[in-house]
Amino acid sequence: MKTIQKIAFFFEMRSFGVCSWWAIKLGIDISKVRLGFIYASCIALGSPLILYLAMAWILEHKHYFKFQKRRRTTIWEI
């Protein structure tokens, strides 16, 4: 049983936060997003796992991308 706890702790510490990011962006409960990924993985035979890993990579390296909103100049600053 101790090995299972170590594995669970590893995944909890290394989780990427993809589901929580989507839940915040969509304004819904995180458990619904997680269930959606689980159901999609069962229906599509695991292919959403590739999508999840791609999103995790993007979220881990988002400082390389320009996701920050730029401040637009107003008419009064021209």
PDB file of N, CA and C in Angstrom:
ATOM      1  N   MET A   1       0.829  -1.200   0.000  1.00  0.00           N
ATOM      2  CA  MET A   1       0.000   0.000   0.000  1.00  0.00           C
ATOM      3  C   MET A   1       0.867   1.254   0.000  1.00  0.00           C
ATOM      4  N   LYS A   2       2.023   1.173   0.562  1.00  0.00           N
ATOM      5  CA  LYS A   2       2.897   2.335   0.631  1.00  0.00           C
ATOM      6  C   LYS A   2       3.365   2.760  -0.761  1.00  0.00           C
ATOM      7  N   THR A   3       3.564   1.816  -1.668  1.00  0.00           N
ATOM      8  CA  THR A   3       3.991   2.127  -3.022  1.00  0.00           C
ATOM      9  C   THR A   3       2.901   2.901  -3.761  1.00  0.00           C
ATOM     10  N   ILE A   4       1.666   2.543  -3.559  1.00  0.00           N
ATOM     11  CA  ILE A   4       0.561   3.235  -4.199  1.00  0.00           C
ATOM     12  C   ILE A   4       0.479   4.670  -3.690  1.00  0.00           C
ATOM     13  N   GLN A   5       0.718   4.876  -2.414  1.00  0.00           N
ATOM     14  CA  GLN A   5       0.704   6.224  -1.857  1.00  0.00           C
ATOM     15  C   GLN A   5       1.837   7.067  -2.428  1.00  0.00           C
ATOM     16  N   LYS A   6       2.994   6.456  -2.635  1.00  0.00           N
ATOM     17  CA  LYS A   6       4.114   7.174  -3.236  1.00  0.00           C
ATOM     18  C   LYS A   6       3.796   7.586  -4.670  1.00  0.00           C
ATOM     19  N   ILE A   7       3.166   6.691  -5.417  1.00  0.00           N
ATOM     20  CA  ILE A   7       2.795   6.996  -6.802  1.00  0.00           C
ATOM     21  C   ILE A   7       1.754   8.109  -6.836  1.00  0.00           C
ATOM     22  N   ALA A   8       0.757   8.039  -5.965  1.00  0.00           N
ATOM     23  CA  ALA A   8      -0.277   9.076  -5.902  1.00  0.00           C
ATOM     24  C   ALA A   8       0.333  10.422  -5.511  1.00  0.00           C
ATOM     25  N   PHE A   9       1.246  10.408  -4.550  1.00  0.00           N
ATOM     26  CA  PHE A   9       1.902  11.648  -4.132  1.00  0.00           C
ATOM     27  C   PHE A   9       2.732  12.235  -5.269  1.00  0.00           C
ATOM     28  N   PHE A  10       3.420  11.381  -6.024  1.00  0.00           N
ATOM     29  CA  PHE A  10       4.216  11.848  -7.160  1.00  0.00           C
ATOM     30  C   PHE A  10       3.346  12.560  -8.185  1.00  0.00           C
ATOM     31  N   PHE A  11       2.219  11.951  -8.531  1.00  0.00           N
ATOM     32  CA  PHE A  11       1.338  12.565  -9.527  1.00  0.00           C
ATOM     33  C   PHE A  11       0.648  13.820  -9.001  1.00  0.00           C
ATOM     34  N   GLU A  12       0.361  13.862  -7.710  1.00  0.00           N
ATOM     35  CA  GLU A  12      -0.241  15.068  -7.144  1.00  0.00           C
ATOM     36  C   GLU A  12       0.749  16.230  -7.146  1.00  0.00           C
ATOM     37  N   MET A  13       2.015  15.945  -6.880  1.00  0.00           N
ATOM     38  CA  MET A  13       3.025  16.995  -6.861  1.00  0.00           C
ATOM     39  C   MET A  13       3.418  17.432  -8.269  1.00  0.00           C
ATOM     40  N   ARG A  14       3.326  16.539  -9.240  1.00  0.00           N
ATOM     41  CA  ARG A  14       3.739  16.840 -10.605  1.00  0.00           C
ATOM     42  C   ARG A  14       2.577  17.166 -11.530  1.00  0.00           C
ATOM     43  N   SER A  15       1.395  17.329 -10.984  1.00  0.00           N
ATOM     44  CA  SER A  15       0.259  17.636 -11.855  1.00  0.00           C
ATOM     45  C   SER A  15       0.479  18.994 -12.499  1.00  0.00           C
ATOM     46  N   PHE A  16       0.009  19.129 -13.695  1.00  0.00           N
ATOM     47  CA  PHE A  16       0.296  20.311 -14.478  1.00  0.00           C
ATOM     48  C   PHE A  16      -0.760  21.393 -14.337  1.00  0.00           C
ATOM     49  N   GLY A  17      -1.915  21.060 -13.823  1.00  0.00           N
ATOM     50  CA  GLY A  17      -2.953  22.063 -13.636  1.00  0.00           C
ATOM     51  C   GLY A  17      -3.758  22.369 -14.887  1.00  0.00           C
ATOM     52  N   VAL A  18      -3.766  21.455 -15.843  1.00  0.00           N
ATOM     53  CA  VAL A  18      -4.510  21.689 -17.079  1.00  0.00           C
ATOM     54  C   VAL A  18      -6.005  21.755 -16.798  1.00  0.00           C
ATOM     55  N   CYS A  19      -6.504  20.816 -16.032  1.00  0.00           N
ATOM     56  CA  CYS A  19      -7.945  20.800 -15.742  1.00  0.00           C
ATOM     57  C   CYS A  19      -8.359  22.017 -14.928  1.00  0.00           C
ATOM     58  N   SER A  20      -7.538  22.404 -13.967  1.00  0.00           N
ATOM     59  CA  SER A  20      -7.895  23.584 -13.175  1.00  0.00           C
ATOM     60  C   SER A  20      -7.833  24.846 -14.025  1.00  0.00           C
ATOM     61  N   TRP A  21      -6.888  24.930 -14.955  1.00  0.00           N
ATOM     62  CA  TRP A  21      -6.801  26.085 -15.842  1.00  0.00           C
ATOM     63  C   TRP A  21      -8.048  26.180 -16.717  1.00  0.00           C
ATOM     64  N   TRP A  22      -8.459  25.038 -17.288  1.00  0.00           N
ATOM     65  CA  TRP A  22      -9.675  25.033 -18.114  1.00  0.00           C
ATOM     66  C   TRP A  22     -10.904  25.378 -17.280  1.00  0.00           C
ATOM     67  N   ALA A  23     -10.973  24.860 -16.048  1.00  0.00           N
ATOM     68  CA  ALA A  23     -12.129  25.138 -15.196  1.00  0.00           C
ATOM     69  C   ALA A  23     -12.228  26.621 -14.874  1.00  0.00           C
ATOM     70  N   ILE A  24     -11.096  27.258 -14.623  1.00  0.00           N
ATOM     71  CA  ILE A  24     -11.117  28.694 -14.341  1.00  0.00           C
ATOM     72  C   ILE A  24     -11.513  29.476 -15.587  1.00  0.00           C
ATOM     73  N   LYS A  25     -10.957  29.100 -16.736  1.00  0.00           N
ATOM     74  CA  LYS A  25     -11.273  29.807 -17.974  1.00  0.00           C
ATOM     75  C   LYS A  25     -12.740  29.653 -18.365  1.00  0.00           C
ATOM     76  N   LEU A  26     -13.307  28.467 -18.158  1.00  0.00           N
ATOM     77  CA  LEU A  26     -14.697  28.217 -18.538  1.00  0.00           C
ATOM     78  C   LEU A  26     -15.688  28.580 -17.438  1.00  0.00           C
ATOM     79  N   GLY A  27     -15.190  28.771 -16.220  1.00  0.00           N
ATOM     80  CA  GLY A  27     -16.058  29.128 -15.111  1.00  0.00           C
ATOM     81  C   GLY A  27     -16.918  27.988 -14.610  1.00  0.00           C
ATOM     82  N   ILE A  28     -16.391  26.769 -14.660  1.00  0.00           N
ATOM     83  CA  ILE A  28     -17.140  25.611 -14.183  1.00  0.00           C
ATOM     84  C   ILE A  28     -16.327  24.887 -13.121  1.00  0.00           C
ATOM     85  N   ASP A  29     -16.933  23.877 -12.520  1.00  0.00           N
ATOM     86  CA  ASP A  29     -16.280  23.105 -11.464  1.00  0.00           C
ATOM     87  C   ASP A  29     -15.171  22.236 -12.047  1.00  0.00           C
ATOM     88  N   ILE A  30     -14.057  22.133 -11.326  1.00  0.00           N
ATOM     89  CA  ILE A  30     -12.904  21.379 -11.812  1.00  0.00           C
ATOM     90  C   ILE A  30     -13.218  19.880 -11.946  1.00  0.00           C
ATOM     91  N   SER A  31     -14.096  19.364 -11.100  1.00  0.00           N
ATOM     92  CA  SER A  31     -14.421  17.940 -11.178  1.00  0.00           C
ATOM     93  C   SER A  31     -15.138  17.604 -12.488  1.00  0.00           C
ATOM     94  N   LYS A  32     -15.910  18.541 -13.020  1.00  0.00           N
ATOM     95  CA  LYS A  32     -16.583  18.308 -14.299  1.00  0.00           C
ATOM     96  C   LYS A  32     -15.585  18.261 -15.447  1.00  0.00           C
ATOM     97  N   VAL A  33     -14.559  19.099 -15.365  1.00  0.00           N
ATOM     98  CA  VAL A  33     -13.530  19.083 -16.407  1.00  0.00           C
ATOM     99  C   VAL A  33     -12.742  17.780 -16.350  1.00  0.00           C
ATOM    100  N   ARG A  34     -12.399  17.347 -15.145  1.00  0.00           N
ATOM    101  CA  ARG A  34     -11.669  16.078 -14.991  1.00  0.00           C
ATOM    102  C   ARG A  34     -12.496  14.899 -15.484  1.00  0.00           C
ATOM    103  N   LEU A  35     -13.785  14.892 -15.146  1.00  0.00           N
ATOM    104  CA  LEU A  35     -14.655  13.823 -15.635  1.00  0.00           C
ATOM    105  C   LEU A  35     -14.757  13.855 -17.155  1.00  0.00           C
ATOM    106  N   GLY A  36     -14.779  15.041 -17.713  1.00  0.00           N
ATOM    107  CA  GLY A  36     -14.803  15.159 -19.171  1.00  0.00           C
ATOM    108  C   GLY A  36     -13.563  14.541 -19.809  1.00  0.00           C
ATOM    109  N   PHE A  37     -12.393  14.788 -19.226  1.00  0.00           N
ATOM    110  CA  PHE A  37     -11.168  14.176 -19.742  1.00  0.00           C
ATOM    111  C   PHE A  37     -11.193  12.654 -19.583  1.00  0.00           C
ATOM    112  N   ILE A  38     -11.709  12.192 -18.463  1.00  0.00           N
ATOM    113  CA  ILE A  38     -11.776  10.738 -18.238  1.00  0.00           C
ATOM    114  C   ILE A  38     -12.718  10.091 -19.240  1.00  0.00           C
ATOM    115  N   TYR A  39     -13.904  10.669 -19.410  1.00  0.00           N
ATOM    116  CA  TYR A  39     -14.868  10.108 -20.363  1.00  0.00           C
ATOM    117  C   TYR A  39     -14.347  10.180 -21.800  1.00  0.00           C
ATOM    118  N   ALA A  40     -13.718  11.284 -22.135  1.00  0.00           N
ATOM    119  CA  ALA A  40     -13.163  11.416 -23.485  1.00  0.00           C
ATOM    120  C   ALA A  40     -12.057  10.400 -23.726  1.00  0.00           C
ATOM    121  N   SER A  41     -11.259  10.127 -22.705  1.00  0.00           N
ATOM    122  CA  SER A  41     -10.192   9.136 -22.851  1.00  0.00           C
ATOM    123  C   SER A  41     -10.752   7.727 -23.034  1.00  0.00           C
ATOM    124  N   CYS A  42     -11.847   7.443 -22.337  1.00  0.00           N
ATOM    125  CA  CYS A  42     -12.465   6.119 -22.491  1.00  0.00           C
ATOM    126  C   CYS A  42     -13.110   5.980 -23.870  1.00  0.00           C
ATOM    127  N   ILE A  43     -13.784   7.014 -24.321  1.00  0.00           N
ATOM    128  CA  ILE A  43     -14.482   6.946 -25.605  1.00  0.00           C
ATOM    129  C   ILE A  43     -13.498   6.950 -26.767  1.00  0.00           C
ATOM    130  N   ALA A  44     -12.478   7.792 -26.684  1.00  0.00           N
ATOM    131  CA  ALA A  44     -11.534   7.944 -27.799  1.00  0.00           C
ATOM    132  C   ALA A  44     -10.287   7.075 -27.633  1.00  0.00           C
ATOM    133  N   LEU A  45     -10.339   6.118 -26.750  1.00  0.00           N
ATOM    134  CA  LEU A  45      -9.255   5.149 -26.535  1.00  0.00           C
ATOM    135  C   LEU A  45      -7.918   5.806 -26.188  1.00  0.00           C
ATOM    136  N   GLY A  46      -7.964   6.831 -25.345  1.00  0.00           N
ATOM    137  CA  GLY A  46      -6.744   7.421 -24.822  1.00  0.00           C
ATOM    138  C   GLY A  46      -6.131   8.545 -25.626  1.00  0.00           C
ATOM    139  N   SER A  47      -6.698   8.882 -26.770  1.00  0.00           N
ATOM    140  CA  SER A  47      -6.103   9.951 -27.568  1.00  0.00           C
ATOM    141  C   SER A  47      -6.189  11.334 -26.906  1.00  0.00           C
ATOM    142  N   PRO A  48      -7.173  11.639 -26.041  1.00  0.00           N
ATOM    143  CA  PRO A  48      -7.133  12.933 -25.348  1.00  0.00           C
ATOM    144  C   PRO A  48      -5.930  13.083 -24.410  1.00  0.00           C
ATOM    145  N   LEU A  49      -5.286  11.988 -24.084  1.00  0.00           N
ATOM    146  CA  LEU A  49      -4.079  12.064 -23.275  1.00  0.00           C
ATOM    147  C   LEU A  49      -2.983  12.837 -24.002  1.00  0.00           C
ATOM    148  N   ILE A  50      -2.909  12.682 -25.310  1.00  0.00           N
ATOM    149  CA  ILE A  50      -1.929  13.437 -26.108  1.00  0.00           C
ATOM    150  C   ILE A  50      -2.268  14.913 -26.066  1.00  0.00           C
ATOM    151  N   LEU A  51      -3.541  15.242 -26.185  1.00  0.00           N
ATOM    152  CA  LEU A  51      -3.988  16.631 -26.094  1.00  0.00           C
ATOM    153  C   LEU A  51      -3.685  17.203 -24.713  1.00  0.00           C
ATOM    154  N   TYR A  52      -3.925  16.430 -23.667  1.00  0.00           N
ATOM    155  CA  TYR A  52      -3.647  16.864 -22.298  1.00  0.00           C
ATOM    156  C   TYR A  52      -2.158  17.141 -22.108  1.00  0.00           C
ATOM    157  N   LEU A  53      -1.313  16.263 -22.598  1.00  0.00           N
ATOM    158  CA  LEU A  53       0.131  16.459 -22.459  1.00  0.00           C
ATOM    159  C   LEU A  53       0.612  17.671 -23.251  1.00  0.00           C
ATOM    160  N   ALA A  54       0.022  17.904 -24.412  1.00  0.00           N
ATOM    161  CA  ALA A  54       0.380  19.091 -25.191  1.00  0.00           C
ATOM    162  C   ALA A  54      -0.022  20.360 -24.444  1.00  0.00           C
ATOM    163  N   MET A  55      -1.216  20.366 -23.869  1.00  0.00           N
ATOM    164  CA  MET A  55      -1.646  21.529 -23.096  1.00  0.00           C
ATOM    165  C   MET A  55      -0.784  21.716 -21.851  1.00  0.00           C
ATOM    166  N   ALA A  56      -0.380  20.610 -21.231  1.00  0.00           N
ATOM    167  CA  ALA A  56       0.491  20.703 -20.061  1.00  0.00           C
ATOM    168  C   ALA A  56       1.834  21.303 -20.443  1.00  0.00           C
ATOM    169  N   TRP A  57       2.367  20.909 -21.588  1.00  0.00           N
ATOM    170  CA  TRP A  57       3.648  21.453 -22.039  1.00  0.00           C
ATOM    171  C   TRP A  57       3.525  22.962 -22.300  1.00  0.00           C
ATOM    172  N   ILE A  58       2.429  23.362 -22.924  1.00  0.00           N
ATOM    173  CA  ILE A  58       2.217  24.780 -23.212  1.00  0.00           C
ATOM    174  C   ILE A  58       2.082  25.577 -21.912  1.00  0.00           C
ATOM    175  N   LEU A  59       1.340  25.039 -20.936  1.00  0.00           N
ATOM    176  CA  LEU A  59       1.183  25.748 -19.676  1.00  0.00           C
ATOM    177  C   LEU A  59       2.494  25.829 -18.898  1.00  0.00           C
ATOM    178  N   GLU A  60       3.329  24.801 -18.989  1.00  0.00           N
ATOM    179  CA  GLU A  60       4.626  24.829 -18.309  1.00  0.00           C
ATOM    180  C   GLU A  60       5.575  25.823 -18.951  1.00  0.00           C
ATOM    181  N   HIS A  61       5.437  26.056 -20.253  1.00  0.00           N
ATOM    182  CA  HIS A  61       6.347  26.938 -20.985  1.00  0.00           C
ATOM    183  C   HIS A  61       5.641  28.187 -21.497  1.00  0.00           C
ATOM    184  N   LYS A  62       4.610  28.621 -20.805  1.00  0.00           N
ATOM    185  CA  LYS A  62       3.833  29.754 -21.294  1.00  0.00           C
ATOM    186  C   LYS A  62       4.615  31.058 -21.254  1.00  0.00           C
ATOM    187  N   HIS A  63       5.709  31.105 -20.525  1.00  0.00           N
ATOM    188  CA  HIS A  63       6.498  32.326 -20.513  1.00  0.00           C
ATOM    189  C   HIS A  63       7.214  32.539 -21.844  1.00  0.00           C
ATOM    190  N   TYR A  64       7.321  31.501 -22.665  1.00  0.00           N
ATOM    191  CA  TYR A  64       7.903  31.648 -23.997  1.00  0.00           C
ATOM    192  C   TYR A  64       6.891  32.195 -25.009  1.00  0.00           C
ATOM    193  N   PHE A  65       5.612  32.059 -24.691  1.00  0.00           N
ATOM    194  CA  PHE A  65       4.560  32.529 -25.569  1.00  0.00           C
ATOM    195  C   PHE A  65       4.038  33.862 -25.055  1.00  0.00           C
ATOM    196  N   LYS A  66       3.386  34.606 -25.900  1.00  0.00           N
ATOM    197  CA  LYS A  66       2.855  35.902 -25.487  1.00  0.00           C
ATOM    198  C   LYS A  66       1.375  35.760 -25.154  1.00  0.00           C
ATOM    199  N   PHE A  67       1.080  35.164 -23.976  1.00  0.00           N
ATOM    200  CA  PHE A  67      -0.293  35.031 -23.527  1.00  0.00           C
ATOM    201  C   PHE A  67      -0.747  36.254 -22.736  1.00  0.00           C
ATOM    202  N   GLN A  68       0.172  37.128 -22.379  1.00  0.00           N
ATOM    203  CA  GLN A  68      -0.191  38.300 -21.608  1.00  0.00           C
ATOM    204  C   GLN A  68      -0.897  39.303 -22.521  1.00  0.00           C
ATOM    205  N   LYS A  69      -1.876  39.956 -21.951  1.00  0.00           N
ATOM    206  CA  LYS A  69      -2.612  40.961 -22.712  1.00  0.00           C
ATOM    207  C   LYS A  69      -1.774  42.227 -22.784  1.00  0.00           C
ATOM    208  N   ARG A  70      -1.656  42.734 -23.969  1.00  0.00           N
ATOM    209  CA  ARG A  70      -0.931  43.990 -24.139  1.00  0.00           C
ATOM    210  C   ARG A  70      -1.866  45.152 -23.864  1.00  0.00           C
ATOM    211  N   ARG A  71      -1.329  46.165 -23.298  1.00  0.00           N
ATOM    212  CA  ARG A  71      -2.118  47.362 -23.030  1.00  0.00           C
ATOM    213  C   ARG A  71      -2.229  48.158 -24.321  1.00  0.00           C
ATOM    214  N   ARG A  72      -3.432  48.387 -24.739  1.00  0.00           N
ATOM    215  CA  ARG A  72      -3.658  49.140 -25.969  1.00  0.00           C
ATOM    216  C   ARG A  72      -3.602  50.639 -25.676  1.00  0.00           C
ATOM    217  N   THR A  73      -3.112  51.336 -26.634  1.00  0.00           N
ATOM    218  CA  THR A  73      -3.085  52.783 -26.474  1.00  0.00           C
ATOM    219  C   THR A  73      -4.479  53.347 -26.722  1.00  0.00           C
ATOM    220  N   THR A  74      -4.808  54.327 -25.948  1.00  0.00           N
ATOM    221  CA  THR A  74      -6.109  54.963 -26.117  1.00  0.00           C
ATOM    222  C   THR A  74      -5.970  56.182 -27.011  1.00  0.00           C
ATOM    223  N   ILE A  75      -7.072  56.736 -27.353  1.00  0.00           N
ATOM    224  CA  ILE A  75      -7.050  57.913 -28.226  1.00  0.00           C
ATOM    225  C   ILE A  75      -6.405  59.103 -27.519  1.00  0.00           C
ATOM    226  N   TRP A  76      -6.444  59.109 -26.187  1.00  0.00           N
ATOM    227  CA  TRP A  76      -5.906  60.233 -25.427  1.00  0.00           C
ATOM    228  C   TRP A  76      -4.383  60.174 -25.336  1.00  0.00           C
ATOM    229  N   GLU A  77      -3.787  59.026 -25.634  1.00  0.00           N
ATOM    230  CA  GLU A  77      -2.339  58.887 -25.557  1.00  0.00           C
ATOM    231  C   GLU A  77      -1.649  59.108 -26.891  1.00  0.00           C
ATOM    232  N   ILE A  78      -2.392  59.291 -27.936  1.00  0.00           N
ATOM    233  CA  ILE A  78      -1.800  59.452 -29.273  1.00  0.00           C
ATOM    234  C   ILE A  78      -1.227  60.831 -29.451  1.00  0.00           C
TER     235      ILE A  78
END
